[in-house]
């Protein structure tokens, strides 16, 4: 088992009939993140892919380790993570193909 959770962008957050293809994403798209399984935040493993807003820092201190489409990884600080998670514009977390705002 793993604690990594897939970004729901791969299925357009439930709006795509099948998973998006690799070439549809920007190279810096975050595809997996290490979710916080602490009980006070509820179960992050409720399905195969989650919305960015369902993930919180805490599994490894005050950061979230993310895996990008280009096979790189990055540990986002709590501040960096919440900036991207709470953004209303397209970014590495909100990156659903075919959606101007990435949602």
PDB file of N, CA and C in Angstrom:
ATOM      1  N   UNK A   1       0.844  -1.184   0.000  1.00  0.00           N
ATOM      2  CA  UNK A   1       0.000   0.000   0.000  1.00  0.00           C
ATOM      3  C   UNK A   1       0.884   1.241   0.000  1.00  0.00           C
ATOM      4  N   UNK A   2       0.298   2.339  -0.358  1.00  0.00           N
ATOM      5  CA  UNK A   2       1.024   3.593  -0.410  1.00  0.00           C
ATOM      6  C   UNK A   2       0.170   4.710   0.167  1.00  0.00           C
ATOM      7  N   UNK A   3       0.815   5.779   0.552  1.00  0.00           N
ATOM      8  CA  UNK A   3       0.068   6.931   1.051  1.00  0.00           C
ATOM      9  C   UNK A   3      -0.098   7.976  -0.039  1.00  0.00           C
ATOM     10  N   UNK A   4       0.404   7.701  -1.246  1.00  0.00           N
ATOM     11  CA  UNK A   4       0.253   8.663  -2.331  1.00  0.00           C
ATOM     12  C   UNK A   4      -1.130   8.562  -2.949  1.00  0.00           C
ATOM     13  N   UNK A   5      -1.698   9.723  -3.236  1.00  0.00           N
ATOM     14  CA  UNK A   5      -3.048   9.828  -3.781  1.00  0.00           C
ATOM     15  C   UNK A   5      -2.950  10.513  -5.139  1.00  0.00           C
ATOM     16  N   UNK A   6      -3.711  10.034  -6.108  1.00  0.00           N
ATOM     17  CA  UNK A   6      -3.690  10.628  -7.437  1.00  0.00           C
ATOM     18  C   UNK A   6      -4.536  11.899  -7.472  1.00  0.00           C
ATOM     19  N   UNK A   7      -4.044  12.884  -8.187  1.00  0.00           N
ATOM     20  CA  UNK A   7      -4.784  14.124  -8.403  1.00  0.00           C
ATOM     21  C   UNK A   7      -5.993  13.805  -9.286  1.00  0.00           C
ATOM     22  N   UNK A   8      -7.155  14.225  -8.882  1.00  0.00           N
ATOM     23  CA  UNK A   8      -8.375  14.006  -9.645  1.00  0.00           C
ATOM     24  C   UNK A   8      -8.379  14.661 -11.008  1.00  0.00           C
ATOM     25  N   UNK A   9      -7.381  15.488 -11.297  1.00  0.00           N
ATOM     26  CA  UNK A   9      -7.268  16.107 -12.624  1.00  0.00           C
ATOM     27  C   UNK A   9      -7.159  15.054 -13.715  1.00  0.00           C
ATOM     28  N   UNK A  10      -6.631  13.876 -13.392  1.00  0.00           N
ATOM     29  CA  UNK A  10      -6.452  12.839 -14.406  1.00  0.00           C
ATOM     30  C   UNK A  10      -7.783  12.341 -14.965  1.00  0.00           C
ATOM     31  N   UNK A  11      -8.865  12.562 -14.227  1.00  0.00           N
ATOM     32  CA  UNK A  11     -10.196  12.211 -14.714  1.00  0.00           C
ATOM     33  C   UNK A  11     -11.096  13.446 -14.745  1.00  0.00           C
ATOM     34  N   UNK A  12     -10.453  14.622 -14.853  1.00  0.00           N
ATOM     35  CA  UNK A  12     -11.224  15.864 -14.921  1.00  0.00           C
ATOM     36  C   UNK A  12     -12.104  16.069 -13.716  1.00  0.00           C
ATOM     37  N   UNK A  13     -11.655  15.588 -12.552  1.00  0.00           N
ATOM     38  CA  UNK A  13     -12.436  15.671 -11.310  1.00  0.00           C
ATOM     39  C   UNK A  13     -13.825  15.086 -11.506  1.00  0.00           C
ATOM     40  N   UNK A  14     -13.866  13.933 -12.186  1.00  0.00           N
ATOM     41  CA  UNK A  14     -15.103  13.190 -12.377  1.00  0.00           C
ATOM     42  C   UNK A  14     -15.876  13.546 -13.630  1.00  0.00           C
ATOM     43  N   UNK A  15     -15.365  14.451 -14.455  1.00  0.00           N
ATOM     44  CA  UNK A  15     -16.109  14.878 -15.643  1.00  0.00           C
ATOM     45  C   UNK A  15     -15.645  14.201 -16.938  1.00  0.00           C
ATOM     46  N   UNK A  16     -14.540  13.456 -16.894  1.00  0.00           N
ATOM     47  CA  UNK A  16     -14.061  12.783 -18.108  1.00  0.00           C
ATOM     48  C   UNK A  16     -14.534  11.335 -18.113  1.00  0.00           C
ATOM     49  N   UNK A  17     -14.935  10.817 -19.274  1.00  0.00           N
ATOM     50  CA  UNK A  17     -15.392   9.419 -19.327  1.00  0.00           C
ATOM     51  C   UNK A  17     -14.248   8.422 -19.163  1.00  0.00           C
ATOM     52  N   UNK A  18     -13.023   8.848 -19.428  1.00  0.00           N
ATOM     53  CA  UNK A  18     -11.840   8.001 -19.245  1.00  0.00           C
ATOM     54  C   UNK A  18     -10.674   8.911 -18.849  1.00  0.00           C
ATOM     55  N   UNK A  19      -9.612   8.355 -18.289  1.00  0.00           N
ATOM     56  CA  UNK A  19      -8.483   9.184 -17.844  1.00  0.00           C
ATOM     57  C   UNK A  19      -7.865   9.997 -18.975  1.00  0.00           C
ATOM     58  N   UNK A  20      -7.369  11.167 -18.637  1.00  0.00           N
ATOM     59  CA  UNK A  20      -6.685  12.024 -19.601  1.00  0.00           C
ATOM     60  C   UNK A  20      -5.372  11.374 -20.008  1.00  0.00           C
ATOM     61  N   UNK A  21      -4.859  11.759 -21.147  1.00  0.00           N
ATOM     62  CA  UNK A  21      -3.594  11.230 -21.658  1.00  0.00           C
ATOM     63  C   UNK A  21      -2.447  12.117 -21.185  1.00  0.00           C
ATOM     64  N   UNK A  22      -1.282  11.533 -21.064  1.00  0.00           N
ATOM     65  CA  UNK A  22      -0.100  12.232 -20.565  1.00  0.00           C
ATOM     66  C   UNK A  22       0.163  13.524 -21.344  1.00  0.00           C
ATOM     67  N   UNK A  23       0.057  13.484 -22.658  1.00  0.00           N
ATOM     68  CA  UNK A  23       0.375  14.657 -23.478  1.00  0.00           C
ATOM     69  C   UNK A  23      -0.587  15.822 -23.258  1.00  0.00           C
ATOM     70  N   UNK A  24      -1.702  15.597 -22.580  1.00  0.00           N
ATOM     71  CA  UNK A  24      -2.668  16.664 -22.331  1.00  0.00           C
ATOM     72  C   UNK A  24      -2.289  17.556 -21.144  1.00  0.00           C
ATOM     73  N   UNK A  25      -1.301  17.143 -20.355  1.00  0.00           N
ATOM     74  CA  UNK A  25      -0.880  17.886 -19.171  1.00  0.00           C
ATOM     75  C   UNK A  25       0.399  18.664 -19.423  1.00  0.00           C
ATOM     76  N   UNK A  26       0.582  19.754 -18.696  1.00  0.00           N
ATOM     77  CA  UNK A  26       1.863  20.440 -18.671  1.00  0.00           C
ATOM     78  C   UNK A  26       2.841  19.577 -17.883  1.00  0.00           C
ATOM     79  N   UNK A  27       4.128  19.698 -18.186  1.00  0.00           N
ATOM     80  CA  UNK A  27       5.150  18.873 -17.530  1.00  0.00           C
ATOM     81  C   UNK A  27       5.193  19.073 -16.017  1.00  0.00           C
ATOM     82  N   UNK A  28       4.825  20.274 -15.539  1.00  0.00           N
ATOM     83  CA  UNK A  28       4.893  20.529 -14.093  1.00  0.00           C
ATOM     84  C   UNK A  28       3.617  20.138 -13.350  1.00  0.00           C
ATOM     85  N   UNK A  29       2.675  19.503 -14.039  1.00  0.00           N
ATOM     86  CA  UNK A  29       1.425  19.097 -13.387  1.00  0.00           C
ATOM     87  C   UNK A  29       1.703  18.115 -12.253  1.00  0.00           C
ATOM     88  N   UNK A  30       1.089  18.348 -11.118  1.00  0.00           N
ATOM     89  CA  UNK A  30       1.213  17.439  -9.983  1.00  0.00           C
ATOM     90  C   UNK A  30       0.182  16.329 -10.171  1.00  0.00           C
ATOM     91  N   UNK A  31       0.697  15.106 -10.278  1.00  0.00           N
ATOM     92  CA  UNK A  31      -0.168  13.955 -10.534  1.00  0.00           C
ATOM     93  C   UNK A  31      -0.436  13.148  -9.267  1.00  0.00           C
ATOM     94  N   UNK A  32       0.535  13.102  -8.357  1.00  0.00           N
ATOM     95  CA  UNK A  32       0.370  12.399  -7.080  1.00  0.00           C
ATOM     96  C   UNK A  32       0.842  13.288  -5.944  1.00  0.00           C
ATOM     97  N   UNK A  33       0.230  13.124  -4.776  1.00  0.00           N
ATOM     98  CA  UNK A  33       0.709  13.789  -3.566  1.00  0.00           C
ATOM     99  C   UNK A  33       0.597  12.823  -2.407  1.00  0.00           C
ATOM    100  N   UNK A  34       1.409  13.086  -1.410  1.00  0.00           N
ATOM    101  CA  UNK A  34       1.425  12.255  -0.212  1.00  0.00           C
ATOM    102  C   UNK A  34       0.413  12.835   0.764  1.00  0.00           C
ATOM    103  N   UNK A  35      -0.734  12.195   0.856  1.00  0.00           N
ATOM    104  CA  UNK A  35      -1.832  12.720   1.657  1.00  0.00           C
ATOM    105  C   UNK A  35      -1.643  12.507   3.137  1.00  0.00           C
ATOM    106  N   UNK A  36      -2.334  13.315   3.906  1.00  0.00           N
ATOM    107  CA  UNK A  36      -2.288  13.240   5.358  1.00  0.00           C
ATOM    108  C   UNK A  36      -3.360  12.277   5.824  1.00  0.00           C
ATOM    109  N   UNK A  37      -2.937  11.161   6.437  1.00  0.00           N
ATOM    110  CA  UNK A  37      -3.934  10.200   6.886  1.00  0.00           C
ATOM    111  C   UNK A  37      -4.312  10.366   8.344  1.00  0.00           C
ATOM    112  N   UNK A  38      -3.998  11.516   8.915  1.00  0.00           N
ATOM    113  CA  UNK A  38      -4.338  11.740  10.312  1.00  0.00           C
ATOM    114  C   UNK A  38      -5.854  11.812  10.467  1.00  0.00           C
ATOM    115  N   UNK A  39      -6.404  11.122  11.466  1.00  0.00           N
ATOM    116  CA  UNK A  39      -7.860  10.986  11.579  1.00  0.00           C
ATOM    117  C   UNK A  39      -8.633  12.287  11.695  1.00  0.00           C
ATOM    118  N   UNK A  40      -8.034  13.338  12.243  1.00  0.00           N
ATOM    119  CA  UNK A  40      -8.791  14.585  12.389  1.00  0.00           C
ATOM    120  C   UNK A  40      -9.117  15.243  11.049  1.00  0.00           C
ATOM    121  N   UNK A  41      -8.458  14.801   9.973  1.00  0.00           N
ATOM    122  CA  UNK A  41      -8.729  15.361   8.657  1.00  0.00           C
ATOM    123  C   UNK A  41      -9.616  14.466   7.819  1.00  0.00           C
ATOM    124  N   UNK A  42     -10.049  13.350   8.362  1.00  0.00           N
ATOM    125  CA  UNK A  42     -10.886  12.428   7.618  1.00  0.00           C
ATOM    126  C   UNK A  42     -10.054  11.559   6.703  1.00  0.00           C
ATOM    127  N   UNK A  43     -10.688  10.578   6.073  1.00  0.00           N
ATOM    128  CA  UNK A  43      -9.937   9.637   5.235  1.00  0.00           C
ATOM    129  C   UNK A  43      -9.588  10.234   3.874  1.00  0.00           C
ATOM    130  N   UNK A  44      -8.288  10.400   3.547  1.00  0.00           N
ATOM    131  CA  UNK A  44      -7.928  10.918   2.232  1.00  0.00           C
ATOM    132  C   UNK A  44      -7.970   9.836   1.170  1.00  0.00           C
ATOM    133  N   UNK A  45      -8.144   8.581   1.575  1.00  0.00           N
ATOM    134  CA  UNK A  45      -8.088   7.481   0.626  1.00  0.00           C
ATOM    135  C   UNK A  45      -9.483   6.996   0.268  1.00  0.00           C
ATOM    136  N   UNK A  46     -10.390   7.920   0.066  1.00  0.00           N
ATOM    137  CA  UNK A  46     -11.784   7.558  -0.169  1.00  0.00           C
ATOM    138  C   UNK A  46     -12.032   7.073  -1.593  1.00  0.00           C
ATOM    139  N   UNK A  47     -11.099   7.317  -2.494  1.00  0.00           N
ATOM    140  CA  UNK A  47     -11.245   6.874  -3.869  1.00  0.00           C
ATOM    141  C   UNK A  47      -9.875   6.933  -4.544  1.00  0.00           C
ATOM    142  N   UNK A  48      -9.833   6.678  -5.826  1.00  0.00           N
ATOM    143  CA  UNK A  48      -8.563   6.635  -6.529  1.00  0.00           C
ATOM    144  C   UNK A  48      -7.948   7.984  -6.818  1.00  0.00           C
ATOM    145  N   UNK A  49      -8.724   9.044  -6.791  1.00  0.00           N
ATOM    146  CA  UNK A  49      -8.210  10.371  -7.112  1.00  0.00           C
ATOM    147  C   UNK A  49      -8.980  11.413  -6.308  1.00  0.00           C
ATOM    148  N   UNK A  50      -8.275  12.453  -5.900  1.00  0.00           N
ATOM    149  CA  UNK A  50      -8.883  13.453  -5.028  1.00  0.00           C
ATOM    150  C   UNK A  50      -8.722  14.866  -5.582  1.00  0.00           C
ATOM    151  N   UNK A  51      -9.550  15.760  -5.092  1.00  0.00           N
ATOM    152  CA  UNK A  51      -9.422  17.185  -5.382  1.00  0.00           C
ATOM    153  C   UNK A  51      -8.272  17.737  -4.537  1.00  0.00           C
ATOM    154  N   UNK A  52      -7.559  18.763  -5.022  1.00  0.00           N
ATOM    155  CA  UNK A  52      -6.520  19.377  -4.194  1.00  0.00           C
ATOM    156  C   UNK A  52      -7.044  19.843  -2.840  1.00  0.00           C
ATOM    157  N   UNK A  53      -8.273  20.308  -2.788  1.00  0.00           N
ATOM    158  CA  UNK A  53      -8.810  20.830  -1.527  1.00  0.00           C
ATOM    159  C   UNK A  53      -9.022  19.738  -0.481  1.00  0.00           C
ATOM    160  N   UNK A  54      -8.936  18.455  -0.871  1.00  0.00           N
ATOM    161  CA  UNK A  54      -9.104  17.358   0.078  1.00  0.00           C
ATOM    162  C   UNK A  54      -7.797  16.967   0.769  1.00  0.00           C
ATOM    163  N   UNK A  55      -6.692  17.566   0.371  1.00  0.00           N
ATOM    164  CA  UNK A  55      -5.379  17.201   0.892  1.00  0.00           C
ATOM    165  C   UNK A  55      -4.888  18.301   1.820  1.00  0.00           C
ATOM    166  N   UNK A  56      -4.265  17.911   2.918  1.00  0.00           N
ATOM    167  CA  UNK A  56      -3.677  18.872   3.857  1.00  0.00           C
ATOM    168  C   UNK A  56      -2.264  18.419   4.222  1.00  0.00           C
ATOM    169  N   UNK A  57      -1.387  19.362   4.543  1.00  0.00           N
ATOM    170  CA  UNK A  57      -0.043  18.989   4.995  1.00  0.00           C
ATOM    171  C   UNK A  57      -0.106  18.264   6.334  1.00  0.00           C
ATOM    172  N   UNK A  58       0.943  17.552   6.668  1.00  0.00           N
ATOM    173  CA  UNK A  58       1.009  16.951   7.978  1.00  0.00           C
ATOM    174  C   UNK A  58       1.550  15.541   8.018  1.00  0.00           C
ATOM    175  N   UNK A  59       1.515  14.839   6.901  1.00  0.00           N
ATOM    176  CA  UNK A  59       2.026  13.473   6.904  1.00  0.00           C
ATOM    177  C   UNK A  59       3.523  13.450   7.191  1.00  0.00           C
ATOM    178  N   UNK A  60       4.253  14.409   6.653  1.00  0.00           N
ATOM    179  CA  UNK A  60       5.692  14.544   6.883  1.00  0.00           C
ATOM    180  C   UNK A  60       5.983  15.949   7.390  1.00  0.00           C
ATOM    181  N   UNK A  61       5.448  16.304   8.510  1.00  0.00           N
ATOM    182  CA  UNK A  61       5.645  17.646   9.036  1.00  0.00           C
ATOM    183  C   UNK A  61       4.709  18.628   8.357  1.00  0.00           C
ATOM    184  N   UNK A  62       5.192  19.829   8.133  1.00  0.00           N
ATOM    185  CA  UNK A  62       4.340  20.877   7.549  1.00  0.00           C
ATOM    186  C   UNK A  62       4.634  21.050   6.069  1.00  0.00           C
ATOM    187  N   UNK A  63       4.726  19.934   5.343  1.00  0.00           N
ATOM    188  CA  UNK A  63       4.933  19.976   3.904  1.00  0.00           C
ATOM    189  C   UNK A  63       4.167  18.831   3.258  1.00  0.00           C
ATOM    190  N   UNK A  64       4.043  18.922   1.936  1.00  0.00           N
ATOM    191  CA  UNK A  64       3.384  17.878   1.157  1.00  0.00           C
ATOM    192  C   UNK A  64       4.334  17.502   0.023  1.00  0.00           C
ATOM    193  N   UNK A  65       4.680  16.229  -0.043  1.00  0.00           N
ATOM    194  CA  UNK A  65       5.530  15.743  -1.123  1.00  0.00           C
ATOM    195  C   UNK A  65       4.656  15.432  -2.322  1.00  0.00           C
ATOM    196  N   UNK A  66       5.038  15.993  -3.478  1.00  0.00           N
ATOM    197  CA  UNK A  66       4.260  15.820  -4.698  1.00  0.00           C
ATOM    198  C   UNK A  66       5.122  15.234  -5.804  1.00  0.00           C
ATOM    199  N   UNK A  67       4.496  14.462  -6.668  1.00  0.00           N
ATOM    200  CA  UNK A  67       5.155  13.912  -7.840  1.00  0.00           C
ATOM    201  C   UNK A  67       4.549  14.561  -9.065  1.00  0.00           C
ATOM    202  N   UNK A  68       5.425  15.039  -9.933  1.00  0.00           N
ATOM    203  CA  UNK A  68       4.979  15.731 -11.148  1.00  0.00           C
ATOM    204  C   UNK A  68       4.975  14.790 -12.348  1.00  0.00           C
ATOM    205  N   UNK A  69       4.297  15.198 -13.370  1.00  0.00           N
ATOM    206  CA  UNK A  69       4.212  14.410 -14.587  1.00  0.00           C
ATOM    207  C   UNK A  69       5.590  14.167 -15.198  1.00  0.00           C
ATOM    208  N   UNK A  70       6.507  15.119 -15.052  1.00  0.00           N
ATOM    209  CA  UNK A  70       7.848  14.962 -15.639  1.00  0.00           C
ATOM    210  C   UNK A  70       8.749  14.049 -14.813  1.00  0.00           C
ATOM    211  N   UNK A  71       8.191  13.338 -13.846  1.00  0.00           N
ATOM    212  CA  UNK A  71       8.878  12.374 -12.980  1.00  0.00           C
ATOM    213  C   UNK A  71       9.726  13.030 -11.899  1.00  0.00           C
ATOM    214  N   UNK A  72       9.621  14.326 -11.731  1.00  0.00           N
ATOM    215  CA  UNK A  72      10.319  14.988 -10.632  1.00  0.00           C
ATOM    216  C   UNK A  72       9.413  15.003  -9.406  1.00  0.00           C
ATOM    217  N   UNK A  73      10.005  15.292  -8.282  1.00  0.00           N
ATOM    218  CA  UNK A  73       9.218  15.419  -7.060  1.00  0.00           C
ATOM    219  C   UNK A  73       9.531  16.757  -6.410  1.00  0.00           C
ATOM    220  N   UNK A  74       8.632  17.213  -5.588  1.00  0.00           N
ATOM    221  CA  UNK A  74       8.825  18.473  -4.874  1.00  0.00           C
ATOM    222  C   UNK A  74       8.085  18.403  -3.559  1.00  0.00           C
ATOM    223  N   UNK A  75       8.743  18.883  -2.527  1.00  0.00           N
ATOM    224  CA  UNK A  75       8.088  19.023  -1.231  1.00  0.00           C
ATOM    225  C   UNK A  75       7.649  20.471  -1.109  1.00  0.00           C
ATOM    226  N   UNK A  76       6.356  20.706  -1.139  1.00  0.00           N
ATOM    227  CA  UNK A  76       5.807  22.051  -1.006  1.00  0.00           C
ATOM    228  C   UNK A  76       5.675  22.373   0.478  1.00  0.00           C
ATOM    229  N   UNK A  77       6.141  23.547   0.875  1.00  0.00           N
ATOM    230  CA  UNK A  77       5.929  23.976   2.252  1.00  0.00           C
ATOM    231  C   UNK A  77       4.433  24.173   2.460  1.00  0.00           C
ATOM    232  N   UNK A  78       4.037  24.272   3.698  1.00  0.00           N
ATOM    233  CA  UNK A  78       2.628  24.492   4.004  1.00  0.00           C
ATOM    234  C   UNK A  78       2.099  25.743   3.295  1.00  0.00           C
ATOM    235  N   UNK A  79       2.873  26.825   3.321  1.00  0.00           N
ATOM    236  CA  UNK A  79       2.461  28.077   2.675  1.00  0.00           C
ATOM    237  C   UNK A  79       2.333  27.899   1.170  1.00  0.00           C
ATOM    238  N   UNK A  80       3.342  27.311   0.535  1.00  0.00           N
ATOM    239  CA  UNK A  80       3.301  27.079  -0.918  1.00  0.00           C
ATOM    240  C   UNK A  80       2.128  26.181  -1.291  1.00  0.00           C
ATOM    241  N   UNK A  81       1.942  25.153  -0.500  1.00  0.00           N
ATOM    242  CA  UNK A  81       0.871  24.207  -0.786  1.00  0.00           C
ATOM    243  C   UNK A  81      -0.492  24.899  -0.760  1.00  0.00           C
ATOM    244  N   UNK A  82      -0.769  25.653   0.304  1.00  0.00           N
ATOM    245  CA  UNK A  82      -2.079  26.305   0.409  1.00  0.00           C
ATOM    246  C   UNK A  82      -2.271  27.385  -0.652  1.00  0.00           C
ATOM    247  N   UNK A  83      -1.205  28.055  -1.074  1.00  0.00           N
ATOM    248  CA  UNK A  83      -1.324  29.035  -2.165  1.00  0.00           C
ATOM    249  C   UNK A  83      -1.826  28.355  -3.428  1.00  0.00           C
ATOM    250  N   UNK A  84      -1.246  27.211  -3.775  1.00  0.00           N
ATOM    251  CA  UNK A  84      -1.666  26.490  -4.982  1.00  0.00           C
ATOM    252  C   UNK A  84      -3.035  25.840  -4.795  1.00  0.00           C
ATOM    253  N   UNK A  85      -3.247  25.227  -3.647  1.00  0.00           N
ATOM    254  CA  UNK A  85      -4.513  24.535  -3.395  1.00  0.00           C
ATOM    255  C   UNK A  85      -5.700  25.493  -3.405  1.00  0.00           C
ATOM    256  N   UNK A  86      -5.507  26.705  -2.883  1.00  0.00           N
ATOM    257  CA  UNK A  86      -6.604  27.656  -2.768  1.00  0.00           C
ATOM    258  C   UNK A  86      -6.713  28.617  -3.940  1.00  0.00           C
ATOM    259  N   UNK A  87      -5.824  28.501  -4.908  1.00  0.00           N
ATOM    260  CA  UNK A  87      -5.851  29.394  -6.069  1.00  0.00           C
ATOM    261  C   UNK A  87      -7.127  29.170  -6.884  1.00  0.00           C
ATOM    262  N   UNK A  88      -7.555  30.216  -7.560  1.00  0.00           N
ATOM    263  CA  UNK A  88      -8.738  30.100  -8.415  1.00  0.00           C
ATOM    264  C   UNK A  88      -8.354  30.048  -9.888  1.00  0.00           C
ATOM    265  N   UNK A  89      -7.067  30.034 -10.151  1.00  0.00           N
ATOM    266  CA  UNK A  89      -6.579  29.956 -11.530  1.00  0.00           C
ATOM    267  C   UNK A  89      -5.832  28.638 -11.737  1.00  0.00           C
ATOM    268  N   UNK A  90      -5.674  28.269 -12.974  1.00  0.00           N
ATOM    269  CA  UNK A  90      -4.968  27.039 -13.342  1.00  0.00           C
ATOM    270  C   UNK A  90      -3.550  27.060 -12.774  1.00  0.00           C
ATOM    271  N   UNK A  91      -3.113  25.944 -12.221  1.00  0.00           N
ATOM    272  CA  UNK A  91      -1.743  25.815 -11.733  1.00  0.00           C
ATOM    273  C   UNK A  91      -1.368  24.332 -11.715  1.00  0.00           C
ATOM    274  N   UNK A  92      -0.251  23.997 -11.105  1.00  0.00           N
ATOM    275  CA  UNK A  92       0.229  22.614 -11.098  1.00  0.00           C
ATOM    276  C   UNK A  92      -0.728  21.658 -10.386  1.00  0.00           C
ATOM    277  N   UNK A  93      -1.532  22.136  -9.442  1.00  0.00           N
ATOM    278  CA  UNK A  93      -2.498  21.284  -8.738  1.00  0.00           C
ATOM    279  C   UNK A  93      -3.823  21.218  -9.485  1.00  0.00           C
ATOM    280  N   UNK A  94      -4.326  22.363  -9.872  1.00  0.00           N
ATOM    281  CA  UNK A  94      -5.581  22.459 -10.620  1.00  0.00           C
ATOM    282  C   UNK A  94      -5.218  22.443 -12.103  1.00  0.00           C
ATOM    283  N   UNK A  95      -5.144  21.248 -12.697  1.00  0.00           N
ATOM    284  CA  UNK A  95      -4.578  21.116 -14.042  1.00  0.00           C
ATOM    285  C   UNK A  95      -5.370  20.178 -14.934  1.00  0.00           C
ATOM    286  N   UNK A  96      -6.670  20.101 -14.743  1.00  0.00           N
ATOM    287  CA  UNK A  96      -7.499  19.210 -15.561  1.00  0.00           C
ATOM    288  C   UNK A  96      -7.432  19.645 -17.031  1.00  0.00           C
ATOM    289  N   UNK A  97      -7.117  18.730 -17.931  1.00  0.00           N
ATOM    290  CA  UNK A  97      -7.060  19.062 -19.353  1.00  0.00           C
ATOM    291  C   UNK A  97      -8.402  19.567 -19.889  1.00  0.00           C
ATOM    292  N   UNK A  98      -8.331  20.518 -20.793  1.00  0.00           N
ATOM    293  CA  UNK A  98      -9.529  21.034 -21.433  1.00  0.00           C
ATOM    294  C   UNK A  98     -10.320  22.018 -20.599  1.00  0.00           C
ATOM    295  N   UNK A  99      -9.819  22.385 -19.427  1.00  0.00           N
ATOM    296  CA  UNK A  99     -10.510  23.332 -18.561  1.00  0.00           C
ATOM    297  C   UNK A  99      -9.638  24.561 -18.392  1.00  0.00           C
ATOM    298  N   UNK A 100     -10.131  25.736 -18.754  1.00  0.00           N
ATOM    299  CA  UNK A 100      -9.340  26.970 -18.675  1.00  0.00           C
ATOM    300  C   UNK A 100      -8.845  27.232 -17.264  1.00  0.00           C
ATOM    301  N   UNK A 101      -9.671  26.929 -16.261  1.00  0.00           N
ATOM    302  CA  UNK A 101      -9.267  27.167 -14.873  1.00  0.00           C
ATOM    303  C   UNK A 101      -8.623  25.936 -14.226  1.00  0.00           C
ATOM    304  N   UNK A 102      -8.486  24.844 -15.000  1.00  0.00           N
ATOM    305  CA  UNK A 102      -7.873  23.628 -14.500  1.00  0.00           C
ATOM    306  C   UNK A 102      -8.735  22.784 -13.590  1.00  0.00           C
ATOM    307  N   UNK A 103      -9.989  23.205 -13.390  1.00  0.00           N
ATOM    308  CA  UNK A 103     -10.879  22.505 -12.446  1.00  0.00           C
ATOM    309  C   UNK A 103     -11.848  21.586 -13.139  1.00  0.00           C
TER     310      UNK A 103
END
